[in-house]
Protein backbone atom coordinates (compact mmCIF):
# COMPACT_ATOMS: atom_id res chain seq x y z
CA UNK A 1 21.44 -13.69 39.77
CA UNK A 2 25.12 -13.94 38.93
CA UNK A 3 27.54 -11.41 40.33
CA UNK A 4 30.21 -9.49 38.47
CA UNK A 5 33.39 -8.18 40.01
CA UNK A 6 34.10 -4.48 39.71
CA UNK A 7 36.87 -2.32 41.04
CA UNK A 8 36.01 1.03 42.60
CA UNK A 9 37.93 3.82 44.24
CA UNK A 10 36.71 5.75 47.27
CA UNK A 11 38.16 8.11 49.80
CA UNK A 12 39.67 6.67 52.96
CA UNK A 13 37.01 8.18 55.23
CA UNK A 14 34.20 6.45 53.36
CA UNK A 15 36.08 3.16 53.31
CA UNK A 16 36.71 3.43 57.05
CA UNK A 17 32.97 3.97 57.58
CA UNK A 18 32.13 0.92 55.46
CA UNK A 19 34.68 -1.17 57.34
CA UNK A 20 33.19 0.00 60.63
CA UNK A 21 29.74 -1.16 59.51
CA UNK A 22 31.17 -4.54 58.53
CA UNK A 23 33.05 -4.83 61.84
CA UNK A 24 29.82 -4.05 63.74
CA UNK A 25 28.04 -6.72 61.67
CA UNK A 26 25.63 -4.33 59.98
CA UNK A 27 26.83 -5.91 56.74
CA UNK A 28 28.66 -9.19 56.13
CA UNK A 29 31.23 -7.65 53.80
CA UNK A 30 32.35 -4.52 52.01
CA UNK A 31 30.73 -5.87 48.86
CA UNK A 32 27.36 -6.28 50.56
CA UNK A 33 27.54 -2.79 52.08
CA UNK A 34 28.37 -1.14 48.78
CA UNK A 35 25.81 -3.20 46.84
CA UNK A 36 23.02 -2.32 49.31
CA UNK A 37 23.96 1.36 49.24
CA UNK A 38 23.96 1.43 45.46
CA UNK A 39 20.63 -0.42 45.23
CA UNK A 40 19.07 2.07 47.66
CA UNK A 41 20.40 5.06 45.71
CA UNK A 42 19.14 3.66 42.40
CA UNK A 43 15.73 3.03 43.94
CA UNK A 44 15.56 6.61 45.21
CA UNK A 45 16.53 7.98 41.80
CA UNK A 46 13.82 5.89 40.16
CA UNK A 47 11.20 7.21 42.61
CA UNK A 48 12.30 10.80 42.12
CA UNK A 49 12.08 10.37 38.34
CA UNK A 50 8.51 9.08 38.73
CA UNK A 51 7.68 12.10 40.90
CA UNK A 52 9.14 14.43 38.26
CA UNK A 53 7.02 12.81 35.57
CA UNK A 54 3.90 13.06 37.76
CA UNK A 55 4.59 16.78 38.25
CA UNK A 56 4.31 17.21 34.49
CA UNK A 57 0.68 16.07 34.56
CA UNK A 58 -2.03 18.69 34.57
CA UNK A 59 -4.05 18.33 37.76
CA UNK A 60 -7.05 19.93 36.07
CA UNK A 61 -6.94 17.49 33.13
CA UNK A 62 -6.45 14.47 35.40
CA UNK A 63 -9.41 15.58 37.54
CA UNK A 64 -11.54 15.96 34.40
CA UNK A 65 -10.63 12.42 33.30
CA UNK A 66 -11.53 11.09 36.73
CA UNK A 67 -14.88 12.88 36.67
CA UNK A 68 -15.70 11.45 33.24
CA UNK A 69 -15.04 7.94 34.50
CA UNK A 70 -17.02 8.54 37.67
CA UNK A 71 -19.96 9.98 35.74
CA UNK A 72 -20.13 6.90 33.51
CA UNK A 73 -20.14 4.65 36.57
CA UNK A 74 -22.98 6.50 38.29
CA UNK A 75 -25.28 5.89 35.34
CA UNK A 76 -24.98 2.15 36.00
CA UNK A 77 -25.71 2.38 39.74
CA UNK A 78 -29.21 1.38 40.84
CA UNK A 79 -31.35 4.06 42.51
CA UNK A 80 -31.66 3.94 46.28
């Protein structure tokens, strides 16, 4: 994937922390540190959005759907 250059501003304390991570070889560069942090944050937001959507589902309705599917399957099972 190609990379694009962007300019960002951040407070000195955060930049010092990023530079410390680079100095301690946690990341190879500032760019890598910031990219990884942003990717992780975006991933977390995506997961929380999925959780919010799942909360909108009716547990009772979902259970009823599951039972319907299970009931249909049991009719095809051979007797023991």
